[in-house]
């Protein structure tokens, strides 16, 4: 798993048509706001099953994120994905608060 910055995240979202963006937080947090085109797959007991249903092709580039640098849900989600055989996992460690504070577009 590779950590990526806000600028790298933005570039990946602009350039990679097959990129899947995953928020690893609760549905409630996701509904507050999320990155554009993100999909909510909460890091919980059903994560492995849900992520494989959401992204069946393990070669698909996947960007995971959570709330902020203090939150480790995206890191744990990325590690689980690698254990499941996903080959192209990126972790936006600064998370959605960094994105929002930078004035970048969000969805709610």
C-alpha atoms as a PDB file:
ATOM      1  CA  UNK A   1       0.000   0.000   0.000  1.00  0.00           C
ATOM      2  CA  UNK A   2       1.283   3.417  -0.895  1.00  0.00           C
ATOM      3  CA  UNK A   3       0.490   6.606   1.018  1.00  0.00           C
ATOM      4  CA  UNK A   4      -0.515   9.543  -1.154  1.00  0.00           C
ATOM      5  CA  UNK A   5      -0.788  13.280  -0.540  1.00  0.00           C
ATOM      6  CA  UNK A   6      -3.753  15.533  -1.263  1.00  0.00           C
ATOM      7  CA  UNK A   7      -2.191  16.608  -4.572  1.00  0.00           C
ATOM      8  CA  UNK A   8      -1.499  13.002  -5.571  1.00  0.00           C
ATOM      9  CA  UNK A   9      -5.065  12.068  -4.604  1.00  0.00           C
ATOM     10  CA  UNK A  10      -6.471  14.871  -6.715  1.00  0.00           C
ATOM     11  CA  UNK A  11      -4.277  13.906  -9.673  1.00  0.00           C
ATOM     12  CA  UNK A  12      -5.303  10.249  -9.391  1.00  0.00           C
ATOM     13  CA  UNK A  13      -8.978  11.197  -9.246  1.00  0.00           C
ATOM     14  CA  UNK A  14      -8.551  13.369 -12.354  1.00  0.00           C
ATOM     15  CA  UNK A  15      -6.490  10.909 -14.393  1.00  0.00           C
ATOM     16  CA  UNK A  16      -7.407   7.333 -13.463  1.00  0.00           C
ATOM     17  CA  UNK A  17     -10.775   6.542 -15.011  1.00  0.00           C
ATOM     18  CA  UNK A  18     -10.877   3.129 -13.331  1.00  0.00           C
ATOM     19  CA  UNK A  19      -9.914   4.421  -9.852  1.00  0.00           C
ATOM     20  CA  UNK A  20     -12.350   3.439  -7.098  1.00  0.00           C
ATOM     21  CA  UNK A  21     -12.416   5.796  -4.101  1.00  0.00           C
ATOM     22  CA  UNK A  22     -13.422   4.136  -0.824  1.00  0.00           C
ATOM     23  CA  UNK A  23     -14.335   5.873   2.427  1.00  0.00           C
ATOM     24  CA  UNK A  24     -13.712   3.451   5.294  1.00  0.00           C
ATOM     25  CA  UNK A  25     -15.839   5.330   7.846  1.00  0.00           C
ATOM     26  CA  UNK A  26     -19.391   4.761   9.073  1.00  0.00           C
ATOM     27  CA  UNK A  27     -22.409   5.462   6.887  1.00  0.00           C
ATOM     28  CA  UNK A  28     -23.272   8.407   9.137  1.00  0.00           C
ATOM     29  CA  UNK A  29     -19.855   9.985   8.609  1.00  0.00           C
ATOM     30  CA  UNK A  30     -20.030   9.278   4.874  1.00  0.00           C
ATOM     31  CA  UNK A  31     -23.421  10.975   4.674  1.00  0.00           C
ATOM     32  CA  UNK A  32     -22.056  14.129   6.369  1.00  0.00           C
ATOM     33  CA  UNK A  33     -19.723  14.649   3.399  1.00  0.00           C
ATOM     34  CA  UNK A  34     -17.327  12.635   1.278  1.00  0.00           C
ATOM     35  CA  UNK A  35     -14.926  12.955  -1.624  1.00  0.00           C
ATOM     36  CA  UNK A  36     -16.578  13.156  -5.069  1.00  0.00           C
ATOM     37  CA  UNK A  37     -17.615   9.754  -6.449  1.00  0.00           C
ATOM     38  CA  UNK A  38     -16.522   7.953  -3.282  1.00  0.00           C
ATOM     39  CA  UNK A  39     -18.143   4.686  -2.231  1.00  0.00           C
ATOM     40  CA  UNK A  40     -18.786   3.894   1.425  1.00  0.00           C
ATOM     41  CA  UNK A  41     -17.410   0.568   2.635  1.00  0.00           C
ATOM     42  CA  UNK A  42     -17.143   0.911   6.431  1.00  0.00           C
ATOM     43  CA  UNK A  43     -14.277  -0.831   8.184  1.00  0.00           C
ATOM     44  CA  UNK A  44     -16.283  -3.336  10.205  1.00  0.00           C
ATOM     45  CA  UNK A  45     -16.741  -7.106  10.519  1.00  0.00           C
ATOM     46  CA  UNK A  46     -18.241  -7.298   6.999  1.00  0.00           C
ATOM     47  CA  UNK A  47     -15.493  -5.253   5.326  1.00  0.00           C
ATOM     48  CA  UNK A  48     -13.783  -8.148   3.503  1.00  0.00           C
ATOM     49  CA  UNK A  49     -17.065  -9.395   2.019  1.00  0.00           C
ATOM     50  CA  UNK A  50     -18.322  -5.913   1.119  1.00  0.00           C
ATOM     51  CA  UNK A  51     -15.087  -4.741  -0.504  1.00  0.00           C
ATOM     52  CA  UNK A  52     -14.935  -7.862  -2.685  1.00  0.00           C
ATOM     53  CA  UNK A  53     -18.534  -7.283  -3.792  1.00  0.00           C
ATOM     54  CA  UNK A  54     -17.816  -3.607  -4.461  1.00  0.00           C
ATOM     55  CA  UNK A  55     -14.508  -4.207  -6.281  1.00  0.00           C
ATOM     56  CA  UNK A  56     -14.373  -7.738  -7.714  1.00  0.00           C
ATOM     57  CA  UNK A  57     -11.266  -7.057  -9.865  1.00  0.00           C
ATOM     58  CA  UNK A  58      -8.265  -7.058  -7.548  1.00  0.00           C
ATOM     59  CA  UNK A  59      -6.118  -5.233 -10.132  1.00  0.00           C
ATOM     60  CA  UNK A  60      -8.385  -2.145  -9.962  1.00  0.00           C
ATOM     61  CA  UNK A  61      -6.619   0.901  -8.488  1.00  0.00           C
ATOM     62  CA  UNK A  62      -8.237   1.736  -5.142  1.00  0.00           C
ATOM     63  CA  UNK A  63      -7.835   4.862  -3.041  1.00  0.00           C
ATOM     64  CA  UNK A  64      -8.916   4.489   0.586  1.00  0.00           C
ATOM     65  CA  UNK A  65      -9.360   7.344   3.031  1.00  0.00           C
ATOM     66  CA  UNK A  66     -10.937   8.152   6.369  1.00  0.00           C
ATOM     67  CA  UNK A  67     -11.348  11.287   8.514  1.00  0.00           C
ATOM     68  CA  UNK A  68      -7.853  12.675   9.108  1.00  0.00           C
ATOM     69  CA  UNK A  69      -4.240  11.778   9.912  1.00  0.00           C
ATOM     70  CA  UNK A  70      -5.256  10.698  13.440  1.00  0.00           C
ATOM     71  CA  UNK A  71      -7.745   8.174  12.033  1.00  0.00           C
ATOM     72  CA  UNK A  72      -6.316   4.784  11.081  1.00  0.00           C
ATOM     73  CA  UNK A  73      -9.384   3.221   9.427  1.00  0.00           C
ATOM     74  CA  UNK A  74      -8.050   3.747   5.894  1.00  0.00           C
ATOM     75  CA  UNK A  75      -4.683   2.223   6.786  1.00  0.00           C
ATOM     76  CA  UNK A  76      -6.370  -0.828   8.311  1.00  0.00           C
ATOM     77  CA  UNK A  77      -8.762  -1.104   5.355  1.00  0.00           C
ATOM     78  CA  UNK A  78      -5.846  -0.928   2.912  1.00  0.00           C
ATOM     79  CA  UNK A  79      -3.955  -3.613   4.824  1.00  0.00           C
ATOM     80  CA  UNK A  80      -7.021  -5.869   4.755  1.00  0.00           C
ATOM     81  CA  UNK A  81      -7.378  -5.289   1.028  1.00  0.00           C
ATOM     82  CA  UNK A  82      -3.753  -6.252   0.427  1.00  0.00           C
ATOM     83  CA  UNK A  83      -4.288  -9.417   2.505  1.00  0.00           C
ATOM     84  CA  UNK A  84      -7.232 -10.188   0.196  1.00  0.00           C
ATOM     85  CA  UNK A  85      -4.957  -9.830  -2.841  1.00  0.00           C
ATOM     86  CA  UNK A  86      -5.649  -6.280  -4.031  1.00  0.00           C
ATOM     87  CA  UNK A  87      -2.571  -5.105  -5.917  1.00  0.00           C
ATOM     88  CA  UNK A  88      -3.060  -1.325  -6.330  1.00  0.00           C
ATOM     89  CA  UNK A  89      -4.092   0.180  -2.992  1.00  0.00           C
ATOM     90  CA  UNK A  90      -3.380   3.815  -2.097  1.00  0.00           C
ATOM     91  CA  UNK A  91      -4.028   5.458   1.277  1.00  0.00           C
ATOM     92  CA  UNK A  92      -4.886   9.156   1.466  1.00  0.00           C
ATOM     93  CA  UNK A  93      -3.782   9.397   5.110  1.00  0.00           C
ATOM     94  CA  UNK A  94      -4.674  13.081   5.619  1.00  0.00           C
ATOM     95  CA  UNK A  95      -8.293  12.146   4.895  1.00  0.00           C
ATOM     96  CA  UNK A  96     -11.439  14.004   4.073  1.00  0.00           C
ATOM     97  CA  UNK A  97     -10.894  16.819   6.588  1.00  0.00           C
ATOM     98  CA  UNK A  98      -7.669  17.765   4.790  1.00  0.00           C
ATOM     99  CA  UNK A  99      -9.534  17.683   1.482  1.00  0.00           C
ATOM    100  CA  UNK A 100     -12.398  19.839   2.775  1.00  0.00           C
ATOM    101  CA  UNK A 101     -10.088  22.329   4.547  1.00  0.00           C
ATOM    102  CA  UNK A 102      -8.216  22.809   1.258  1.00  0.00           C
ATOM    103  CA  UNK A 103     -11.497  23.979  -0.295  1.00  0.00           C
ATOM    104  CA  UNK A 104     -11.728  21.063  -2.718  1.00  0.00           C
ATOM    105  CA  UNK A 105     -15.133  19.813  -3.864  1.00  0.00           C
ATOM    106  CA  UNK A 106     -17.072  17.474  -1.582  1.00  0.00           C
ATOM    107  CA  UNK A 107     -20.338  15.574  -1.892  1.00  0.00           C
ATOM    108  CA  UNK A 108     -22.995  15.055   0.729  1.00  0.00           C
END
